[in-house]
Amino acid sequence: MKREHAYKLRDTLHKAVVSLSDGDALEGVELFPPWAADTAYEAGVRVRYMGKLYRCEQTHSSQEGWEPPAIPALWTDVAEPGKIPVWRQPTGAQDAYRIGDLVHYPDADGPVYRCTIDYNVYAPDVAGWEVVL
C-alpha cells in the first residue's frame, strides 16, 4: 500500500470514528486519540485517557495538570447509554444539569433524582431536584 493511500484511509477512518454515537464510541475507546498536553482541543472532541473516554466541554489548549479527570470544567466522562451517573458539582454553565437529567445522590447506591430546572448547579438535597427512584 502506498503511503498516500494509507493517509487517505486514516483520514476516512478518523471521520467515521468522530461520528460514532457515545454508545458505539465506548465500545472502541482505543480508536480515539490519547489526551496530550500542548494540544489544541475544540469543544465536542472526544479523547481517551487512562482507558476512559472523555468529551471536551470548552475549546482550549491543554497543558500538564489539565488532564481530563482533573479539570471537569474542560472534560466530562462519556457515560454509557442508560447508565445514571453519580451527581458531581458543576463548575459552570457548560456542565450544569439540565431539566430531565438523572443522577444518583449522594453516591452510586443513593436514590435517583431528576433535575427540575435548567442550568442547575445545586446538589439534589439543596434545590431543583425531585426523587424518582
C-alpha atoms as a PDB file:
ATOM      1  CA  MET A   1       0.000   0.000   0.000  1.00  0.00           C
ATOM      2  CA  LYS A   2       1.341   3.381  -0.914  1.00  0.00           C
ATOM      3  CA  ARG A   3       1.832   5.975   1.793  1.00  0.00           C
ATOM      4  CA  GLU A   4      -0.634   8.413   0.175  1.00  0.00           C
ATOM      5  CA  HIS A   5      -3.324   5.734   0.126  1.00  0.00           C
ATOM      6  CA  ALA A   6      -2.646   4.896   3.792  1.00  0.00           C
ATOM      7  CA  TYR A   7      -3.021   8.568   4.757  1.00  0.00           C
ATOM      8  CA  LYS A   8      -6.320   8.754   2.881  1.00  0.00           C
ATOM      9  CA  LEU A   9      -7.602   5.635   4.653  1.00  0.00           C
ATOM     10  CA  ARG A  10      -6.525   7.078   8.002  1.00  0.00           C
ATOM     11  CA  ASP A  11      -8.452  10.292   7.305  1.00  0.00           C
ATOM     12  CA  THR A  12     -11.545   8.279   6.314  1.00  0.00           C
ATOM     13  CA  LEU A  13     -11.320   6.178   9.478  1.00  0.00           C
ATOM     14  CA  HIS A  14     -10.949   9.327  11.605  1.00  0.00           C
ATOM     15  CA  LYS A  15     -14.093  10.841  10.041  1.00  0.00           C
ATOM     16  CA  ALA A  16     -16.009   7.643  10.773  1.00  0.00           C
ATOM     17  CA  VAL A  17     -14.772   7.429  14.377  1.00  0.00           C
ATOM     18  CA  VAL A  18     -15.685  11.006  15.310  1.00  0.00           C
ATOM     19  CA  SER A  19     -19.227  10.465  14.049  1.00  0.00           C
ATOM     20  CA  LEU A  20     -19.858   7.440  16.296  1.00  0.00           C
ATOM     21  CA  SER A  21     -22.589   7.691  18.920  1.00  0.00           C
ATOM     22  CA  ASP A  22     -21.363   7.732  22.504  1.00  0.00           C
ATOM     23  CA  GLY A  23     -22.540   4.151  22.963  1.00  0.00           C
ATOM     24  CA  ASP A  24     -20.601   2.920  19.942  1.00  0.00           C
ATOM     25  CA  ALA A  25     -17.599   5.068  20.860  1.00  0.00           C
ATOM     26  CA  LEU A  26     -17.434   3.423  24.290  1.00  0.00           C
ATOM     27  CA  GLU A  27     -17.061   0.060  22.546  1.00  0.00           C
ATOM     28  CA  GLY A  28     -13.964   1.331  20.725  1.00  0.00           C
ATOM     29  CA  VAL A  29     -12.283   3.745  23.138  1.00  0.00           C
ATOM     30  CA  GLU A  30      -8.878   2.772  21.733  1.00  0.00           C
ATOM     31  CA  LEU A  31      -9.886   4.265  18.351  1.00  0.00           C
ATOM     32  CA  PHE A  32      -9.800   7.761  19.874  1.00  0.00           C
ATOM     33  CA  PRO A  33      -6.580   9.719  20.226  1.00  0.00           C
ATOM     34  CA  PRO A  34      -4.981   9.820  23.644  1.00  0.00           C
ATOM     35  CA  TRP A  35      -5.149  13.070  25.598  1.00  0.00           C
ATOM     36  CA  ALA A  36      -1.921  15.057  25.282  1.00  0.00           C
ATOM     37  CA  ALA A  37      -0.525  18.228  26.795  1.00  0.00           C
ATOM     38  CA  ASP A  38       0.242  21.184  24.500  1.00  0.00           C
ATOM     39  CA  THR A  39      -2.624  20.279  22.180  1.00  0.00           C
ATOM     40  CA  ALA A  40      -5.469  22.471  20.903  1.00  0.00           C
ATOM     41  CA  TYR A  41      -8.847  20.858  21.630  1.00  0.00           C
ATOM     42  CA  GLU A  42     -12.224  22.009  20.316  1.00  0.00           C
ATOM     43  CA  ALA A  43     -15.442  21.587  22.276  1.00  0.00           C
ATOM     44  CA  GLY A  44     -17.093  18.264  21.460  1.00  0.00           C
ATOM     45  CA  VAL A  45     -13.890  16.371  20.659  1.00  0.00           C
ATOM     46  CA  ARG A  46     -13.529  13.015  22.413  1.00  0.00           C
ATOM     47  CA  VAL A  47     -10.212  11.620  23.659  1.00  0.00           C
ATOM     48  CA  ARG A  48      -9.111   8.669  25.725  1.00  0.00           C
ATOM     49  CA  TYR A  49      -7.269   8.980  28.993  1.00  0.00           C
ATOM     50  CA  MET A  50      -6.322   6.092  31.297  1.00  0.00           C
ATOM     51  CA  GLY A  51      -8.693   3.783  29.408  1.00  0.00           C
ATOM     52  CA  LYS A  52     -11.727   6.089  29.671  1.00  0.00           C
ATOM     53  CA  LEU A  53     -13.412   8.256  27.044  1.00  0.00           C
ATOM     54  CA  TYR A  54     -13.802  11.998  27.703  1.00  0.00           C
ATOM     55  CA  ARG A  55     -15.558  14.836  25.845  1.00  0.00           C
ATOM     56  CA  CYS A  56     -14.056  18.318  25.643  1.00  0.00           C
ATOM     57  CA  GLU A  57     -16.540  20.857  27.049  1.00  0.00           C
ATOM     58  CA  GLN A  58     -14.638  24.068  26.242  1.00  0.00           C
ATOM     59  CA  THR A  59     -12.227  24.849  23.441  1.00  0.00           C
ATOM     60  CA  HIS A  60      -8.755  25.215  24.952  1.00  0.00           C
ATOM     61  CA  SER A  61      -5.072  24.395  24.626  1.00  0.00           C
ATOM     62  CA  SER A  62      -4.108  21.662  27.057  1.00  0.00           C
ATOM     63  CA  GLN A  63      -1.222  21.686  29.474  1.00  0.00           C
ATOM     64  CA  GLU A  64       0.252  19.417  32.131  1.00  0.00           C
ATOM     65  CA  GLY A  65      -2.087  19.256  35.116  1.00  0.00           C
ATOM     66  CA  TRP A  66      -5.194  19.731  32.937  1.00  0.00           C
ATOM     67  CA  GLU A  67      -5.750  16.007  32.401  1.00  0.00           C
ATOM     68  CA  PRO A  68      -9.440  15.140  31.876  1.00  0.00           C
ATOM     69  CA  PRO A  69     -10.255  13.861  35.383  1.00  0.00           C
ATOM     70  CA  ALA A  70      -8.532  16.858  36.986  1.00  0.00           C
ATOM     71  CA  ILE A  71     -10.484  19.620  35.203  1.00  0.00           C
ATOM     72  CA  PRO A  72     -14.236  18.885  34.962  1.00  0.00           C
ATOM     73  CA  ALA A  73     -14.850  22.351  33.505  1.00  0.00           C
ATOM     74  CA  LEU A  74     -12.912  21.231  30.418  1.00  0.00           C
ATOM     75  CA  TRP A  75     -13.658  17.493  30.265  1.00  0.00           C
ATOM     76  CA  THR A  76     -16.567  15.200  31.129  1.00  0.00           C
ATOM     77  CA  ASP A  77     -16.744  11.412  31.129  1.00  0.00           C
ATOM     78  CA  VAL A  78     -18.648   9.969  28.220  1.00  0.00           C
ATOM     79  CA  ALA A  79     -21.328   7.991  30.034  1.00  0.00           C
ATOM     80  CA  GLU A  80     -22.644   4.632  28.978  1.00  0.00           C
ATOM     81  CA  PRO A  81     -26.126   4.991  27.461  1.00  0.00           C
ATOM     82  CA  GLY A  82     -28.729   4.202  30.084  1.00  0.00           C
ATOM     83  CA  LYS A  83     -26.274   4.432  32.976  1.00  0.00           C
ATOM     84  CA  ILE A  84     -27.228   7.004  35.597  1.00  0.00           C
ATOM     85  CA  PRO A  85     -24.152   8.855  36.884  1.00  0.00           C
ATOM     86  CA  VAL A  86     -23.458   9.978  40.418  1.00  0.00           C
ATOM     87  CA  TRP A  87     -24.069  13.718  40.943  1.00  0.00           C
ATOM     88  CA  ARG A  88     -20.927  15.878  40.826  1.00  0.00           C
ATOM     89  CA  GLN A  89     -20.591  19.586  41.458  1.00  0.00           C
ATOM     90  CA  PRO A  90     -20.825  21.529  38.170  1.00  0.00           C
ATOM     91  CA  THR A  91     -18.106  24.072  37.572  1.00  0.00           C
ATOM     92  CA  GLY A  92     -20.211  26.407  35.424  1.00  0.00           C
ATOM     93  CA  ALA A  93     -22.910  26.624  32.768  1.00  0.00           C
ATOM     94  CA  GLN A  94     -21.004  24.290  30.438  1.00  0.00           C
ATOM     95  CA  ASP A  95     -21.536  21.291  32.719  1.00  0.00           C
ATOM     96  CA  ALA A  96     -24.579  22.366  34.751  1.00  0.00           C
ATOM     97  CA  TYR A  97     -27.507  19.961  34.838  1.00  0.00           C
ATOM     98  CA  ARG A  98     -30.491  20.412  32.524  1.00  0.00           C
ATOM     99  CA  ILE A  99     -34.175  19.651  33.053  1.00  0.00           C
ATOM    100  CA  GLY A 100     -34.684  15.890  32.941  1.00  0.00           C
ATOM    101  CA  ASP A 101     -31.095  14.885  33.790  1.00  0.00           C
ATOM    102  CA  LEU A 102     -30.927  11.920  36.157  1.00  0.00           C
ATOM    103  CA  VAL A 103     -28.318  11.349  38.853  1.00  0.00           C
ATOM    104  CA  HIS A 104     -27.676   9.179  41.868  1.00  0.00           C
ATOM    105  CA  TYR A 105     -27.016  11.122  45.072  1.00  0.00           C
ATOM    106  CA  PRO A 106     -25.010  11.148  47.294  1.00  0.00           C
ATOM    107  CA  ASP A 107     -23.307   8.055  45.828  1.00  0.00           C
ATOM    108  CA  ALA A 108     -23.964   5.237  43.340  1.00  0.00           C
ATOM    109  CA  ASP A 109     -26.178   3.478  45.891  1.00  0.00           C
ATOM    110  CA  GLY A 110     -28.226   6.604  46.629  1.00  0.00           C
ATOM    111  CA  PRO A 111     -31.676   7.404  45.254  1.00  0.00           C
ATOM    112  CA  VAL A 112     -32.155   8.639  41.689  1.00  0.00           C
ATOM    113  CA  TYR A 113     -33.057  12.309  41.288  1.00  0.00           C
ATOM    114  CA  ARG A 114     -34.466  14.133  38.225  1.00  0.00           C
ATOM    115  CA  CYS A 115     -33.397  17.732  37.582  1.00  0.00           C
ATOM    116  CA  THR A 116     -36.348  20.156  37.500  1.00  0.00           C
ATOM    117  CA  ILE A 117     -34.548  23.378  36.441  1.00  0.00           C
ATOM    118  CA  ASP A 118     -32.164  24.257  33.624  1.00  0.00           C
ATOM    119  CA  TYR A 119     -28.536  25.105  34.380  1.00  0.00           C
ATOM    120  CA  ASN A 120     -28.835  23.625  37.857  1.00  0.00           C
ATOM    121  CA  VAL A 121     -25.627  23.735  39.897  1.00  0.00           C
ATOM    122  CA  TYR A 122     -27.256  22.767  43.203  1.00  0.00           C
ATOM    123  CA  ALA A 123     -26.971  19.381  44.890  1.00  0.00           C
ATOM    124  CA  PRO A 124     -30.136  17.270  44.958  1.00  0.00           C
ATOM    125  CA  ASP A 125     -30.583  17.895  48.679  1.00  0.00           C
ATOM    126  CA  VAL A 126     -30.494  21.680  48.129  1.00  0.00           C
ATOM    127  CA  ALA A 127     -32.784  22.715  45.228  1.00  0.00           C
ATOM    128  CA  GLY A 128     -34.031  21.865  41.739  1.00  0.00           C
ATOM    129  CA  TRP A 129     -34.389  18.081  42.011  1.00  0.00           C
ATOM    130  CA  GLU A 130     -37.083  15.506  42.676  1.00  0.00           C
ATOM    131  CA  VAL A 131     -36.649  11.909  43.786  1.00  0.00           C
ATOM    132  CA  VAL A 132     -37.788   9.429  41.119  1.00  0.00           C
ATOM    133  CA  LEU A 133     -36.401   6.051  42.326  1.00  0.00           C
END
